Full PDB file with SEQRES, HELIX, SHEET, SSBOND, CRYST1, ORIGX, SCALE, CONECT and MASTER records, all heavy atoms in Angstrom:
SEQRES   1 A   42  LEU GLU TRP ALA GLY ALA VAL SER ALA SER GLY ALA VAL          
SEQRES   2 A   42  ASP HIS VAL VAL SER PRO ALA GLY THR THR ARG ILE THR          
SEQRES   3 A   42  GLY GLY SER VAL LEU LEU THR ARG VAL THR GLY THR GLY          
SEQRES   4 A   42  CYS SER LEU                                                  
HELIX    1 AA1 VAL A   30  ARG A   34  5                                   5    
HELIX    2 AA2 THR A   38  SER A   41  1                                   4    
SHEET    1 AA1 3 VAL A   7  ALA A   9  0                                        
SHEET    2 AA1 3 VAL A  13  SER A  18 -1                                        
SHEET    3 AA1 3 GLY A  21  THR A  26 -1                                        
CRYST1    1.000    1.000    1.000  90.00  90.00  90.00 P 1           1          
ORIGX1      1.000000  0.000000  0.000000        0.00000                         
ORIGX2      0.000000  1.000000  0.000000        0.00000                         
ORIGX3      0.000000  0.000000  1.000000        0.00000                         
SCALE1      1.000000  0.000000  0.000000        0.00000                         
SCALE2      0.000000  1.000000  0.000000        0.00000                         
SCALE3      0.000000  0.000000  1.000000        0.00000                         
ATOM      1  N   LEU A   1       0.814  -1.207   0.017  1.00  0.00           N  
ATOM      2  CA  LEU A   1       0.015  -0.001   0.033  1.00  0.00           C  
ATOM      3  C   LEU A   1       0.856   1.265   0.039  1.00  0.00           C  
ATOM      4  O   LEU A   1       0.332   2.396  -0.242  1.00  0.00           O  
ATOM      5  CB  LEU A   1      -0.980   0.038   1.208  1.00  0.00           C  
ATOM      6  CG  LEU A   1      -2.054  -1.035   1.232  1.00  0.00           C  
ATOM      7  CD1 LEU A   1      -2.897  -0.926   2.497  1.00  0.00           C  
ATOM      8  CD2 LEU A   1      -2.943  -0.890  -0.057  1.00  0.00           C  
ATOM      9  N   GLU A   2       2.139   1.116   0.229  1.00  0.00           N  
ATOM     10  CA  GLU A   2       3.015   2.281   0.061  1.00  0.00           C  
ATOM     11  C   GLU A   2       3.030   2.761  -1.375  1.00  0.00           C  
ATOM     12  O   GLU A   2       3.326   3.908  -1.648  1.00  0.00           O  
ATOM     13  CB  GLU A   2       4.449   1.882   0.476  1.00  0.00           C  
ATOM     14  CG  GLU A   2       5.470   2.988   0.373  1.00  0.00           C  
ATOM     15  CD  GLU A   2       6.851   2.576   0.841  1.00  0.00           C  
ATOM     16  OE1 GLU A   2       6.997   1.503   1.518  1.00  0.00           O  
ATOM     17  OE2 GLU A   2       7.840   3.293   0.557  1.00  0.00           O  
ATOM     18  N   TRP A   3       2.764   1.865  -2.318  1.00  0.00           N  
ATOM     19  CA  TRP A   3       2.798   2.226  -3.740  1.00  0.00           C  
ATOM     20  C   TRP A   3       1.421   2.218  -4.385  1.00  0.00           C  
ATOM     21  O   TRP A   3       1.216   2.871  -5.418  1.00  0.00           O  
ATOM     22  CB  TRP A   3       3.646   1.205  -4.483  1.00  0.00           C  
ATOM     23  CG  TRP A   3       5.109   1.361  -4.136  1.00  0.00           C  
ATOM     24  CD1 TRP A   3       6.052   2.131  -4.804  1.00  0.00           C  
ATOM     25  CD2 TRP A   3       5.806   0.598  -3.145  1.00  0.00           C  
ATOM     26  NE1 TRP A   3       7.290   1.965  -4.185  1.00  0.00           N  
ATOM     27  CE2 TRP A   3       7.196   1.040  -3.188  1.00  0.00           C  
ATOM     28  CE3 TRP A   3       5.449  -0.327  -2.220  1.00  0.00           C  
ATOM     29  CZ2 TRP A   3       8.138   0.538  -2.338  1.00  0.00           C  
ATOM     30  CZ3 TRP A   3       6.391  -0.859  -1.365  1.00  0.00           C  
ATOM     31  CH2 TRP A   3       7.795  -0.411  -1.436  1.00  0.00           C  
ATOM     32  N   ALA A   4       0.419   1.491  -3.836  1.00  0.00           N  
ATOM     33  CA  ALA A   4      -0.840   1.303  -4.533  1.00  0.00           C  
ATOM     34  C   ALA A   4      -1.998   1.661  -3.591  1.00  0.00           C  
ATOM     35  O   ALA A   4      -1.852   1.546  -2.363  1.00  0.00           O  
ATOM     36  CB  ALA A   4      -0.983  -0.136  -5.045  1.00  0.00           C  
ATOM     37  N   GLY A   5      -3.116   1.987  -4.146  1.00  0.00           N  
ATOM     38  CA  GLY A   5      -4.292   2.277  -3.386  1.00  0.00           C  
ATOM     39  C   GLY A   5      -4.979   1.135  -2.778  1.00  0.00           C  
ATOM     40  O   GLY A   5      -5.627   1.225  -1.684  1.00  0.00           O  
ATOM     41  N   ALA A   6      -4.862  -0.029  -3.434  1.00  0.00           N  
ATOM     42  CA  ALA A   6      -5.439  -1.257  -2.885  1.00  0.00           C  
ATOM     43  C   ALA A   6      -4.641  -2.429  -3.534  1.00  0.00           C  
ATOM     44  O   ALA A   6      -4.105  -2.326  -4.597  1.00  0.00           O  
ATOM     45  CB  ALA A   6      -6.893  -1.425  -3.196  1.00  0.00           C  
ATOM     46  N   VAL A   7      -4.619  -3.598  -2.777  1.00  0.00           N  
ATOM     47  CA  VAL A   7      -3.889  -4.737  -3.240  1.00  0.00           C  
ATOM     48  C   VAL A   7      -4.804  -5.964  -3.009  1.00  0.00           C  
ATOM     49  O   VAL A   7      -5.425  -6.070  -1.885  1.00  0.00           O  
ATOM     50  CB  VAL A   7      -2.585  -4.908  -2.509  1.00  0.00           C  
ATOM     51  CG1 VAL A   7      -1.822  -6.200  -2.997  1.00  0.00           C  
ATOM     52  CG2 VAL A   7      -1.736  -3.674  -2.590  1.00  0.00           C  
ATOM     53  N   SER A   8      -4.941  -6.834  -4.009  1.00  0.00           N  
ATOM     54  CA  SER A   8      -5.745  -8.002  -3.813  1.00  0.00           C  
ATOM     55  C   SER A   8      -4.977  -9.281  -4.115  1.00  0.00           C  
ATOM     56  O   SER A   8      -4.125  -9.286  -4.964  1.00  0.00           O  
ATOM     57  CB  SER A   8      -7.037  -7.964  -4.666  1.00  0.00           C  
ATOM     58  OG  SER A   8      -6.690  -7.989  -6.067  1.00  0.00           O  
ATOM     59  N   ALA A   9      -5.269 -10.296  -3.352  1.00  0.00           N  
ATOM     60  CA  ALA A   9      -4.700 -11.619  -3.551  1.00  0.00           C  
ATOM     61  C   ALA A   9      -5.890 -12.615  -3.761  1.00  0.00           C  
ATOM     62  O   ALA A   9      -6.711 -12.690  -2.911  1.00  0.00           O  
ATOM     63  CB  ALA A   9      -3.843 -12.060  -2.378  1.00  0.00           C  
ATOM     64  N   SER A  10      -5.898 -13.275  -4.909  1.00  0.00           N  
ATOM     65  CA  SER A  10      -7.061 -14.174  -5.224  1.00  0.00           C  
ATOM     66  C   SER A  10      -6.698 -15.551  -4.898  1.00  0.00           C  
ATOM     67  O   SER A  10      -5.547 -15.981  -4.856  1.00  0.00           O  
ATOM     68  CB  SER A  10      -7.402 -13.986  -6.698  1.00  0.00           C  
ATOM     69  OG  SER A  10      -6.303 -14.210  -7.517  1.00  0.00           O  
ATOM     70  N   GLY A  11      -7.751 -16.336  -4.612  1.00  0.00           N  
ATOM     71  CA  GLY A  11      -7.629 -17.785  -4.275  1.00  0.00           C  
ATOM     72  C   GLY A  11      -8.974 -18.276  -3.859  1.00  0.00           C  
ATOM     73  O   GLY A  11     -10.016 -17.789  -4.278  1.00  0.00           O  
ATOM     74  N   ALA A  12      -8.964 -19.313  -3.008  1.00  0.00           N  
ATOM     75  CA  ALA A  12     -10.246 -19.856  -2.563  1.00  0.00           C  
ATOM     76  C   ALA A  12     -11.069 -18.825  -1.877  1.00  0.00           C  
ATOM     77  O   ALA A  12     -12.352 -18.848  -1.989  1.00  0.00           O  
ATOM     78  CB  ALA A  12      -9.978 -21.065  -1.627  1.00  0.00           C  
ATOM     79  N   VAL A  13     -10.447 -17.960  -1.114  1.00  0.00           N  
ATOM     80  CA  VAL A  13     -11.071 -16.781  -0.541  1.00  0.00           C  
ATOM     81  C   VAL A  13     -10.222 -15.599  -0.933  1.00  0.00           C  
ATOM     82  O   VAL A  13      -9.076 -15.484  -0.570  1.00  0.00           O  
ATOM     83  CB  VAL A  13     -11.142 -16.823   0.985  1.00  0.00           C  
ATOM     84  CG1 VAL A  13     -11.777 -15.594   1.562  1.00  0.00           C  
ATOM     85  CG2 VAL A  13     -11.940 -18.077   1.440  1.00  0.00           C  
ATOM     86  N   ASP A  14     -10.773 -14.675  -1.729  1.00  0.00           N  
ATOM     87  CA  ASP A  14     -10.067 -13.557  -2.199  1.00  0.00           C  
ATOM     88  C   ASP A  14      -9.927 -12.556  -1.060  1.00  0.00           C  
ATOM     89  O   ASP A  14     -10.835 -12.315  -0.270  1.00  0.00           O  
ATOM     90  CB  ASP A  14     -10.827 -12.832  -3.356  1.00  0.00           C  
ATOM     91  CG  ASP A  14     -10.879 -13.697  -4.651  1.00  0.00           C  
ATOM     92  OD1 ASP A  14     -10.112 -14.719  -4.668  1.00  0.00           O  
ATOM     93  OD2 ASP A  14     -11.665 -13.355  -5.518  1.00  0.00           O  
ATOM     94  N   HIS A  15      -8.747 -11.912  -0.973  1.00  0.00           N  
ATOM     95  CA  HIS A  15      -8.497 -10.918   0.081  1.00  0.00           C  
ATOM     96  C   HIS A  15      -8.121  -9.600  -0.626  1.00  0.00           C  
ATOM     97  O   HIS A  15      -7.249  -9.571  -1.474  1.00  0.00           O  
ATOM     98  CB  HIS A  15      -7.339 -11.295   1.000  1.00  0.00           C  
ATOM     99  CG  HIS A  15      -7.707 -12.418   1.950  1.00  0.00           C  
ATOM    100  ND1 HIS A  15      -8.099 -13.661   1.587  1.00  0.00           N  
ATOM    101  CD2 HIS A  15      -7.668 -12.418   3.302  1.00  0.00           C  
ATOM    102  CE1 HIS A  15      -8.336 -14.404   2.656  1.00  0.00           C  
ATOM    103  NE2 HIS A  15      -8.104 -13.661   3.691  1.00  0.00           N  
ATOM    104  N   VAL A  16      -8.827  -8.503  -0.293  1.00  0.00           N  
ATOM    105  CA  VAL A  16      -8.587  -7.190  -0.753  1.00  0.00           C  
ATOM    106  C   VAL A  16      -8.197  -6.300   0.350  1.00  0.00           C  
ATOM    107  O   VAL A  16      -8.889  -6.191   1.351  1.00  0.00           O  
ATOM    108  CB  VAL A  16      -9.838  -6.605  -1.470  1.00  0.00           C  
ATOM    109  CG1 VAL A  16      -9.590  -5.172  -1.934  1.00  0.00           C  
ATOM    110  CG2 VAL A  16     -10.339  -7.451  -2.630  1.00  0.00           C  
ATOM    111  N   VAL A  17      -6.998  -5.681   0.262  1.00  0.00           N  
ATOM    112  CA  VAL A  17      -6.409  -4.937   1.317  1.00  0.00           C  
ATOM    113  C   VAL A  17      -6.356  -3.474   0.870  1.00  0.00           C  
ATOM    114  O   VAL A  17      -5.818  -3.195  -0.249  1.00  0.00           O  
ATOM    115  CB  VAL A  17      -5.061  -5.420   1.712  1.00  0.00           C  
ATOM    116  CG1 VAL A  17      -4.411  -4.507   2.796  1.00  0.00           C  
ATOM    117  CG2 VAL A  17      -5.123  -6.880   2.245  1.00  0.00           C  
ATOM    118  N   SER A  18      -6.878  -2.510   1.667  1.00  0.00           N  
ATOM    119  CA  SER A  18      -6.815  -1.137   1.372  1.00  0.00           C  
ATOM    120  C   SER A  18      -6.594  -0.362   2.654  1.00  0.00           C  
ATOM    121  O   SER A  18      -6.595  -0.988   3.757  1.00  0.00           O  
ATOM    122  CB  SER A  18      -8.122  -0.683   0.742  1.00  0.00           C  
ATOM    123  OG  SER A  18      -9.130  -0.564   1.680  1.00  0.00           O  
ATOM    124  N   PRO A  19      -6.353   0.938   2.677  1.00  0.00           N  
ATOM    125  CA  PRO A  19      -6.222   1.634   3.936  1.00  0.00           C  
ATOM    126  C   PRO A  19      -7.367   1.538   4.823  1.00  0.00           C  
ATOM    127  O   PRO A  19      -7.241   1.696   6.087  1.00  0.00           O  
ATOM    128  CB  PRO A  19      -6.016   3.126   3.454  1.00  0.00           C  
ATOM    129  CG  PRO A  19      -5.383   2.989   2.119  1.00  0.00           C  
ATOM    130  CD  PRO A  19      -6.056   1.800   1.502  1.00  0.00           C  
ATOM    131  N   ALA A  20      -8.561   1.143   4.281  1.00  0.00           N  
ATOM    132  CA  ALA A  20      -9.714   1.027   5.148  1.00  0.00           C  
ATOM    133  C   ALA A  20      -9.850  -0.338   5.789  1.00  0.00           C  
ATOM    134  O   ALA A  20     -10.704  -0.555   6.635  1.00  0.00           O  
ATOM    135  CB  ALA A  20     -11.013   1.246   4.260  1.00  0.00           C  
ATOM    136  N   GLY A  21      -8.936  -1.269   5.489  1.00  0.00           N  
ATOM    137  CA  GLY A  21      -8.987  -2.618   6.114  1.00  0.00           C  
ATOM    138  C   GLY A  21      -8.924  -3.766   5.094  1.00  0.00           C  
ATOM    139  O   GLY A  21      -8.468  -3.524   3.952  1.00  0.00           O  
ATOM    140  N   THR A  22      -9.341  -4.933   5.497  1.00  0.00           N  
ATOM    141  CA  THR A  22      -9.269  -6.097   4.660  1.00  0.00           C  
ATOM    142  C   THR A  22     -10.635  -6.703   4.406  1.00  0.00           C  
ATOM    143  O   THR A  22     -11.414  -6.839   5.321  1.00  0.00           O  
ATOM    144  CB  THR A  22      -8.393  -7.201   5.408  1.00  0.00           C  
ATOM    145  OG1 THR A  22      -7.059  -6.680   5.577  1.00  0.00           O  
ATOM    146  CG2 THR A  22      -8.332  -8.459   4.527  1.00  0.00           C  
ATOM    147  N   THR A  23     -10.915  -6.935   3.166  1.00  0.00           N  
ATOM    148  CA  THR A  23     -12.174  -7.507   2.723  1.00  0.00           C  
ATOM    149  C   THR A  23     -11.937  -8.935   2.235  1.00  0.00           C  
ATOM    150  O   THR A  23     -11.037  -9.179   1.452  1.00  0.00           O  
ATOM    151  CB  THR A  23     -12.841  -6.677   1.637  1.00  0.00           C  
ATOM    152  OG1 THR A  23     -13.005  -5.310   2.057  1.00  0.00           O  
ATOM    153  CG2 THR A  23     -14.205  -7.239   1.271  1.00  0.00           C  
ATOM    154  N   ARG A  24     -12.702  -9.839   2.723  1.00  0.00           N  
ATOM    155  CA  ARG A  24     -12.659 -11.263   2.303  1.00  0.00           C  
ATOM    156  C   ARG A  24     -13.892 -11.603   1.468  1.00  0.00           C  
ATOM    157  O   ARG A  24     -14.992 -11.361   1.928  1.00  0.00           O  
ATOM    158  CB  ARG A  24     -12.522 -12.199   3.502  1.00  0.00           C  
ATOM    159  CG  ARG A  24     -11.164 -12.032   4.237  1.00  0.00           C  
ATOM    160  CD  ARG A  24     -11.105 -12.952   5.455  1.00  0.00           C  
ATOM    161  NE  ARG A  24     -12.138 -12.568   6.450  1.00  0.00           N  
ATOM    162  CZ  ARG A  24     -12.081 -11.535   7.255  1.00  0.00           C  
ATOM    163  NH1 ARG A  24     -10.987 -10.779   7.231  1.00  0.00           N  
ATOM    164  NH2 ARG A  24     -13.019 -11.302   8.116  1.00  0.00           N  
ATOM    165  N   ILE A  25     -13.680 -12.153   0.313  1.00  0.00           N  
ATOM    166  CA  ILE A  25     -14.749 -12.476  -0.627  1.00  0.00           C  
ATOM    167  C   ILE A  25     -14.727 -13.948  -0.939  1.00  0.00           C  
ATOM    168  O   ILE A  25     -13.755 -14.485  -1.401  1.00  0.00           O  
ATOM    169  CB  ILE A  25     -14.573 -11.679  -1.920  1.00  0.00           C  
ATOM    170  CG1 ILE A  25     -14.537 -10.181  -1.678  1.00  0.00           C  
ATOM    171  CG2 ILE A  25     -15.666 -11.991  -2.900  1.00  0.00           C  
ATOM    172  CD1 ILE A  25     -13.698  -9.410  -2.595  1.00  0.00           C  
ATOM    173  N   THR A  26     -15.809 -14.611  -0.524  1.00  0.00           N  
ATOM    174  CA  THR A  26     -15.936 -16.049  -0.639  1.00  0.00           C  
ATOM    175  C   THR A  26     -16.905 -16.368  -1.837  1.00  0.00           C  
ATOM    176  O   THR A  26     -17.850 -15.632  -2.059  1.00  0.00           O  
ATOM    177  CB  THR A  26     -16.542 -16.630   0.631  1.00  0.00           C  
ATOM    178  OG1 THR A  26     -15.693 -16.287   1.730  1.00  0.00           O  
ATOM    179  CG2 THR A  26     -16.543 -18.157   0.585  1.00  0.00           C  
ATOM    180  N   GLY A  27     -16.585 -17.428  -2.501  1.00  0.00           N  
ATOM    181  CA  GLY A  27     -17.460 -17.849  -3.611  1.00  0.00           C  
ATOM    182  C   GLY A  27     -16.647 -18.251  -4.834  1.00  0.00           C  
ATOM    183  O   GLY A  27     -15.442 -18.432  -4.734  1.00  0.00           O  
ATOM    184  N   GLY A  28     -17.334 -18.395  -5.896  1.00  0.00           N  
ATOM    185  CA  GLY A  28     -16.648 -18.823  -7.102  1.00  0.00           C  
ATOM    186  C   GLY A  28     -16.675 -20.329  -7.320  1.00  0.00           C  
ATOM    187  O   GLY A  28     -17.442 -21.014  -6.682  1.00  0.00           O  
ATOM    188  N   SER A  29     -15.818 -20.804  -8.140  1.00  0.00           N  
ATOM    189  CA  SER A  29     -15.782 -22.250  -8.472  1.00  0.00           C  
ATOM    190  C   SER A  29     -14.379 -22.647  -8.775  1.00  0.00           C  
ATOM    191  O   SER A  29     -13.568 -21.893  -9.355  1.00  0.00           O  
ATOM    192  CB  SER A  29     -16.690 -22.507  -9.706  1.00  0.00           C  
ATOM    193  OG  SER A  29     -16.441 -23.819 -10.252  1.00  0.00           O  
ATOM    194  N   VAL A  30     -14.047 -23.888  -8.455  1.00  0.00           N  
ATOM    195  CA  VAL A  30     -12.740 -24.432  -8.793  1.00  0.00           C  
ATOM    196  C   VAL A  30     -12.521 -24.486 -10.312  1.00  0.00           C  
ATOM    197  O   VAL A  30     -11.352 -24.449 -10.780  1.00  0.00           O  
ATOM    198  CB  VAL A  30     -12.548 -25.846  -8.199  1.00  0.00           C  
ATOM    199  CG1 VAL A  30     -13.458 -26.842  -8.878  1.00  0.00           C  
ATOM    200  CG2 VAL A  30     -11.085 -26.295  -8.227  1.00  0.00           C  
ATOM    201  N   LEU A  31     -13.611 -24.433 -11.080  1.00  0.00           N  
ATOM    202  CA  LEU A  31     -13.495 -24.397 -12.573  1.00  0.00           C  
ATOM    203  C   LEU A  31     -12.799 -23.170 -13.034  1.00  0.00           C  
ATOM    204  O   LEU A  31     -12.310 -23.101 -14.175  1.00  0.00           O  
ATOM    205  CB  LEU A  31     -14.859 -24.635 -13.177  1.00  0.00           C  
ATOM    206  CG  LEU A  31     -15.418 -26.023 -13.071  1.00  0.00           C  
ATOM    207  CD1 LEU A  31     -16.808 -26.152 -13.545  1.00  0.00           C  
ATOM    208  CD2 LEU A  31     -14.517 -27.061 -13.852  1.00  0.00           C  
ATOM    209  N   LEU A  32     -12.790 -22.105 -12.248  1.00  0.00           N  
ATOM    210  CA  LEU A  32     -12.073 -20.900 -12.651  1.00  0.00           C  
ATOM    211  C   LEU A  32     -10.614 -21.188 -12.853  1.00  0.00           C  
ATOM    212  O   LEU A  32      -9.884 -20.553 -13.637  1.00  0.00           O  
ATOM    213  CB  LEU A  32     -12.206 -19.839 -11.515  1.00  0.00           C  
ATOM    214  CG  LEU A  32     -13.511 -19.050 -11.511  1.00  0.00           C  
ATOM    215  CD1 LEU A  32     -13.598 -18.243 -10.214  1.00  0.00           C  
ATOM    216  CD2 LEU A  32     -13.741 -18.133 -12.699  1.00  0.00           C  
ATOM    217  N   THR A  33     -10.093 -22.167 -12.137  1.00  0.00           N  
ATOM    218  CA  THR A  33      -8.692 -22.506 -12.304  1.00  0.00           C  
ATOM    219  C   THR A  33      -8.404 -23.512 -13.458  1.00  0.00           C  
ATOM    220  O   THR A  33      -7.279 -23.851 -13.655  1.00  0.00           O  
ATOM    221  CB  THR A  33      -8.141 -23.208 -10.949  1.00  0.00           C  
ATOM    222  OG1 THR A  33      -8.813 -24.457 -10.742  1.00  0.00           O  
ATOM    223  CG2 THR A  33      -8.478 -22.284  -9.747  1.00  0.00           C  
ATOM    224  N   ARG A  34      -9.501 -23.910 -14.116  1.00  0.00           N  
ATOM    225  CA  ARG A  34      -9.354 -24.835 -15.285  1.00  0.00           C  
ATOM    226  C   ARG A  34      -9.567 -24.168 -16.611  1.00  0.00           C  
ATOM    227  O   ARG A  34      -9.610 -24.827 -17.608  1.00  0.00           O  
ATOM    228  CB  ARG A  34     -10.387 -25.992 -15.067  1.00  0.00           C  
ATOM    229  CG  ARG A  34     -10.169 -26.786 -13.823  1.00  0.00           C  
ATOM    230  CD  ARG A  34      -8.859 -27.610 -13.857  1.00  0.00           C  
ATOM    231  NE  ARG A  34      -8.701 -28.464 -12.714  1.00  0.00           N  
ATOM    232  CZ  ARG A  34      -7.948 -28.136 -11.658  1.00  0.00           C  
ATOM    233  NH1 ARG A  34      -7.312 -26.965 -11.622  1.00  0.00           N  
ATOM    234  NH2 ARG A  34      -7.848 -28.891 -10.652  1.00  0.00           N  
ATOM    235  N   VAL A  35      -9.734 -22.826 -16.546  1.00  0.00           N  
ATOM    236  CA  VAL A  35      -9.983 -22.081 -17.740  1.00  0.00           C  
ATOM    237  C   VAL A  35      -8.856 -20.999 -17.875  1.00  0.00           C  
ATOM    238  O   VAL A  35      -8.702 -20.166 -16.927  1.00  0.00           O  
ATOM    239  CB  VAL A  35     -11.327 -21.424 -17.813  1.00  0.00           C  
ATOM    240  CG1 VAL A  35     -11.488 -20.525 -19.000  1.00  0.00           C  
ATOM    241  CG2 VAL A  35     -12.434 -22.453 -17.745  1.00  0.00           C  
ATOM    242  N   THR A  36      -8.087 -21.032 -18.932  1.00  0.00           N  
ATOM    243  CA  THR A  36      -7.036 -20.000 -19.086  1.00  0.00           C  
ATOM    244  C   THR A  36      -7.582 -18.608 -19.238  1.00  0.00           C  
ATOM    245  O   THR A  36      -8.460 -18.378 -20.050  1.00  0.00           O  
ATOM    246  CB  THR A  36      -6.166 -20.372 -20.356  1.00  0.00           C  
ATOM    247  OG1 THR A  36      -5.579 -21.631 -20.180  1.00  0.00           O  
ATOM    248  CG2 THR A  36      -5.083 -19.292 -20.610  1.00  0.00           C  
ATOM    249  N   GLY A  37      -7.075 -17.702 -18.400  1.00  0.00           N  
ATOM    250  CA  GLY A  37      -7.389 -16.331 -18.552  1.00  0.00           C  
ATOM    251  C   GLY A  37      -8.333 -15.750 -17.473  1.00  0.00           C  
ATOM    252  O   GLY A  37      -8.637 -14.576 -17.530  1.00  0.00           O  
ATOM    253  N   THR A  38      -8.852 -16.586 -16.643  1.00  0.00           N  
ATOM    254  CA  THR A  38      -9.805 -16.050 -15.587  1.00  0.00           C  
ATOM    255  C   THR A  38      -9.094 -15.079 -14.650  1.00  0.00           C  
ATOM    256  O   THR A  38      -9.648 -14.047 -14.251  1.00  0.00           O  
ATOM    257  CB  THR A  38     -10.452 -17.161 -14.806  1.00  0.00           C  
ATOM    258  OG1 THR A  38      -9.478 -18.050 -14.248  1.00  0.00           O  
ATOM    259  CG2 THR A  38     -11.364 -17.997 -15.739  1.00  0.00           C  
ATOM    260  N   GLY A  39      -7.824 -15.372 -14.276  1.00  0.00           N  
ATOM    261  CA  GLY A  39      -7.099 -14.482 -13.401  1.00  0.00           C  
ATOM    262  C   GLY A  39      -6.689 -13.236 -14.143  1.00  0.00           C  
ATOM    263  O   GLY A  39      -6.829 -12.077 -13.673  1.00  0.00           O  
ATOM    264  N   CYS A  40      -6.157 -13.333 -15.345  1.00  0.00           N  
ATOM    265  CA  CYS A  40      -5.768 -12.173 -16.105  1.00  0.00           C  
ATOM    266  C   CYS A  40      -6.960 -11.249 -16.409  1.00  0.00           C  
ATOM    267  O   CYS A  40      -6.814 -10.085 -16.363  1.00  0.00           O  
ATOM    268  CB  CYS A  40      -5.101 -12.632 -17.426  1.00  0.00           C  
ATOM    269  SG  CYS A  40      -3.611 -13.571 -17.246  1.00  0.00           S  
ATOM    270  N   SER A  41      -8.072 -11.858 -16.774  1.00  0.00           N  
ATOM    271  CA  SER A  41      -9.236 -11.029 -17.054  1.00  0.00           C  
ATOM    272  C   SER A  41      -9.757 -10.358 -15.762  1.00  0.00           C  
ATOM    273  O   SER A  41     -10.412  -9.255 -15.884  1.00  0.00           O  
ATOM    274  CB  SER A  41     -10.358 -11.861 -17.745  1.00  0.00           C  
ATOM    275  OG  SER A  41     -10.728 -12.981 -16.916  1.00  0.00           O  
ATOM    276  N   LEU A  42      -9.577 -10.993 -14.637  1.00  0.00           N  
ATOM    277  CA  LEU A  42      -9.961 -10.348 -13.385  1.00  0.00           C  
ATOM    278  C   LEU A  42      -9.167  -9.098 -13.207  1.00  0.00           C  
ATOM    279  O   LEU A  42      -9.751  -8.060 -12.768  1.00  0.00           O  
ATOM    280  CB  LEU A  42      -9.716 -11.299 -12.177  1.00  0.00           C  
ATOM    281  CG  LEU A  42      -9.884 -10.693 -10.819  1.00  0.00           C  
ATOM    282  CD1 LEU A  42     -11.231 -10.055 -10.595  1.00  0.00           C  
ATOM    283  CD2 LEU A  42      -9.610 -11.778  -9.731  1.00  0.00           C  
TER     284      LEU A  42                                                      
MASTER        0    0    0    2    3    0    0    6  283    1    0    4          
END                                                                             
């Protein structure tokens, strides 16, 4: 956050970190990991 306004790490539970705190986002499907480009398009 020294360089960016927010930072996110995706996975089984996505975590979004900003100066306001940490947001955890649950959901999605394991099939997202079986299709090329789902992370890049995110």
